[in-house]
Protein backbone atom coordinates (compact mmCIF):
# COMPACT_ATOMS: atom_id res chain seq x y z
CA LYS A 1 96.43 80.53 86.04
CA GLY A 2 99.53 82.35 87.16
CA ILE A 3 102.90 81.50 88.60
CA GLU A 4 105.96 83.17 90.08
CA THR A 5 109.17 81.87 88.58
CA GLU A 6 112.69 82.32 89.92
CA ILE A 7 115.23 84.36 87.95
CA LEU A 8 118.36 82.24 88.08
CA LYS A 9 121.84 83.71 88.39
CA ASP A 10 122.34 83.80 84.59
CA GLY A 11 118.94 85.43 83.99
CA SER A 12 117.22 82.28 82.80
CA LEU A 13 114.08 81.05 84.53
CA ASP A 14 113.76 78.03 86.81
CA TYR A 15 110.93 76.50 84.76
CA PRO A 16 111.21 75.40 81.12
CA ASP A 17 109.34 77.34 78.44
CA GLU A 18 106.97 74.44 77.72
CA PHE A 19 105.82 74.49 81.36
CA LEU A 20 105.48 78.29 81.44
CA LYS A 21 103.25 78.22 78.33
CA ARG A 22 100.61 76.50 80.46
CA PHE A 23 100.06 79.73 82.43
CA GLU A 24 98.20 82.91 81.59
CA PHE A 25 100.29 85.20 83.78
CA ILE A 26 103.91 84.99 84.90
CA ILE A 27 105.85 87.01 87.47
CA ALA A 28 109.64 86.55 87.52
CA SER A 29 111.54 87.38 90.72
CA ILE A 30 114.92 87.02 92.38
CA HIS A 31 115.18 85.15 95.68
CA SER A 32 118.90 84.29 95.79
CA SER A 33 122.40 85.46 94.80
CA PHE A 34 121.79 89.06 95.88
CA GLN A 35 125.46 90.08 96.01
CA MET A 36 126.13 90.27 92.28
CA PRO A 37 127.84 93.33 90.80
CA ARG A 38 125.46 95.99 89.47
CA GLU A 39 126.12 95.26 85.78
CA GLU A 40 125.61 91.51 86.22
CA MET A 41 122.44 91.95 88.31
CA THR A 42 121.01 94.37 85.77
CA ALA A 43 121.80 92.00 82.87
CA ARG A 44 120.28 89.12 84.87
CA ILE A 45 116.96 90.89 85.35
CA LEU A 46 116.90 92.32 81.82
CA ARG A 47 117.34 88.82 80.38
CA ALA A 48 114.32 87.62 82.36
CA LEU A 49 112.37 90.77 81.46
CA ALA A 50 112.98 90.09 77.75
CA HIS A 51 111.64 86.53 78.04
CA PRO A 52 108.41 86.39 75.99
CA GLN A 53 106.44 84.57 78.70
CA VAL A 54 107.31 86.97 81.55
CA ASP A 55 104.70 89.62 82.30
CA VAL A 56 105.99 91.26 85.50
CA ILE A 57 109.28 91.56 87.38
CA GLY A 58 108.53 90.98 91.05
CA HIS A 59 110.06 93.13 93.82
CA PRO A 60 112.55 94.60 91.34
CA THR A 61 115.19 95.86 93.80
CA GLY A 62 114.96 93.12 96.43
CA ARG A 63 114.97 95.56 99.32
CA LEU A 64 113.58 94.80 102.75
CA VAL A 65 112.68 97.99 104.62
CA LEU A 66 114.77 98.16 107.81
CA GLY A 67 116.19 94.75 106.85
CA ARG A 68 118.49 95.02 103.86
CA PRO A 69 119.12 97.46 101.07
CA GLY A 70 118.16 96.38 97.61
CA TYR A 71 120.64 94.58 95.44
CA GLN A 72 122.79 96.64 93.14
CA VAL A 73 120.74 97.15 89.99
CA ASP A 74 120.24 99.88 87.41
CA VAL A 75 116.53 100.60 87.94
CA ASP A 76 116.55 103.10 85.07
CA ALA A 77 117.58 100.25 82.74
CA LEU A 78 114.81 98.02 84.14
CA ILE A 79 112.21 100.71 83.52
CA ASP A 80 113.55 101.27 80.00
CA GLY A 81 113.48 97.50 79.34
CA ALA A 82 109.94 97.14 80.66
CA ALA A 83 108.83 99.99 78.39
CA ARG A 84 110.65 98.49 75.38
CA TRP A 85 109.20 94.98 75.82
CA GLY A 86 105.76 96.02 77.05
CA LYS A 87 106.16 94.49 80.50
CA ALA A 88 105.17 95.58 84.00
CA LEU A 89 107.02 96.05 87.26
CA GLU A 90 105.68 95.03 90.63
CA LEU A 91 104.96 97.22 93.59
CA ASN A 92 105.20 94.59 96.30
CA SER A 93 102.80 95.63 99.08
CA HIS A 94 104.37 93.76 101.95
CA PRO A 95 105.16 96.46 104.54
CA TYR A 96 108.78 95.26 104.72
CA ARG A 97 109.22 95.49 100.95
CA LEU A 98 107.23 98.33 99.34
CA ASP A 99 109.34 97.56 96.31
CA LEU A 100 109.16 99.34 93.80
CA ASP A 101 109.77 102.56 95.70
CA TRP A 102 107.11 105.25 95.18
CA ARG A 103 109.57 107.53 93.34
CA ARG A 104 110.36 104.78 90.88
CA CYS A 105 106.62 104.08 90.44
CA ARG A 106 106.19 107.60 89.17
CA GLN A 107 109.19 107.23 86.88
CA ALA A 108 107.78 103.95 85.50
CA ARG A 109 104.38 105.58 84.96
CA ASP A 110 106.00 108.42 83.03
CA ALA A 111 107.75 105.83 80.84
CA GLY A 112 104.46 104.05 80.13
CA VAL A 113 105.30 101.02 82.25
CA PRO A 114 102.33 99.56 84.12
CA ILE A 115 102.69 98.72 87.80
CA SER A 116 101.24 95.56 89.31
CA ILE A 117 100.33 96.00 92.99
CA ASN A 118 100.68 92.63 94.72
CA PRO A 119 100.41 91.70 98.40
CA ASP A 120 103.25 89.10 98.56
CA ALA A 121 100.76 87.00 100.53
CA HIS A 122 102.06 83.63 101.63
CA GLU A 123 98.84 83.05 103.58
CA THR A 124 95.34 84.50 103.30
CA GLY A 125 95.93 87.06 106.07
CA GLY A 126 98.66 88.64 103.96
CA ILE A 127 96.20 89.72 101.29
CA ALA A 128 95.26 92.71 103.47
CA ASP A 129 98.76 94.11 102.88
CA ILE A 130 97.56 95.25 99.45
CA ARG A 131 96.47 98.47 101.16
CA TRP A 132 100.12 99.42 101.75
CA GLY A 133 100.76 99.02 98.04
CA VAL A 134 97.78 101.19 97.16
CA ILE A 135 99.00 103.89 99.58
CA THR A 136 102.50 103.68 98.06
CA ALA A 137 101.06 103.86 94.53
CA ARG A 138 99.08 106.97 95.45
CA LYS A 139 102.19 108.53 96.91
CA GLY A 140 103.87 107.81 93.55
CA TRP A 141 101.05 109.57 91.70
CA LEU A 142 99.78 106.39 90.05
CA ARG A 143 96.29 106.47 88.64
CA ARG A 144 93.93 103.55 88.12
CA GLN A 145 94.99 103.21 84.48
CA ASP A 146 98.65 102.94 85.56
CA VAL A 147 97.95 99.86 87.70
CA LEU A 148 97.93 96.64 85.71
CA ASN A 149 95.78 94.65 88.12
CA SER A 150 93.10 97.33 88.34
CA ARG A 151 92.10 96.28 84.83
CA GLY A 152 89.43 93.72 84.05
CA TRP A 153 90.50 90.19 83.11
CA GLU A 154 89.75 90.63 79.40
CA GLU A 155 91.72 93.88 79.30
CA LEU A 156 94.60 92.21 81.15
CA LEU A 157 94.66 89.32 78.67
CA ALA A 158 94.51 91.77 75.76
CA TRP A 159 97.52 93.61 77.23
CA ARG A 160 99.37 90.31 77.47
CA ARG A 161 98.44 89.24 73.92
CA SER A 162 99.56 92.62 72.54
CA ARG A 163 103.17 91.70 73.20
CA SER A 164 104.95 89.46 70.72
CA GLY A 165 105.37 85.91 71.99
CA ALA A 166 102.77 86.11 74.74
């Protein structure tokens, strides 16, 4: 069982820890308060990234291709934090997101941070968007072993259990 939880303005999550412990996989994402200063936005996401139940940060820059630039965030710090805490970053496959950018995918790979390619599907037809994520991952020189959700379920659970608190 998995869930996407909202990263609140202070970096806490919108569900209590006791509820989150009922899930095997947790993605934390921002869907509001995009106009924060860079330092505050970075601290917000890093706080969520450090949470022991969080596995992946979803659409880490919040960009919408041809729609809006990403929010002001220090992506280098996010990659460093993901590496430090053994977490993953999402490559959101929706053609209007493609977030994490392919250049940052390569940077994350080089730092040992796995990438989770997700379709951002809000209906079954959206699952086909995963192909755009795979194309973006290839452009970013990701290999199968760099992609978290190319692993088998047992390997994925072992990765999650390897982190303290998960």
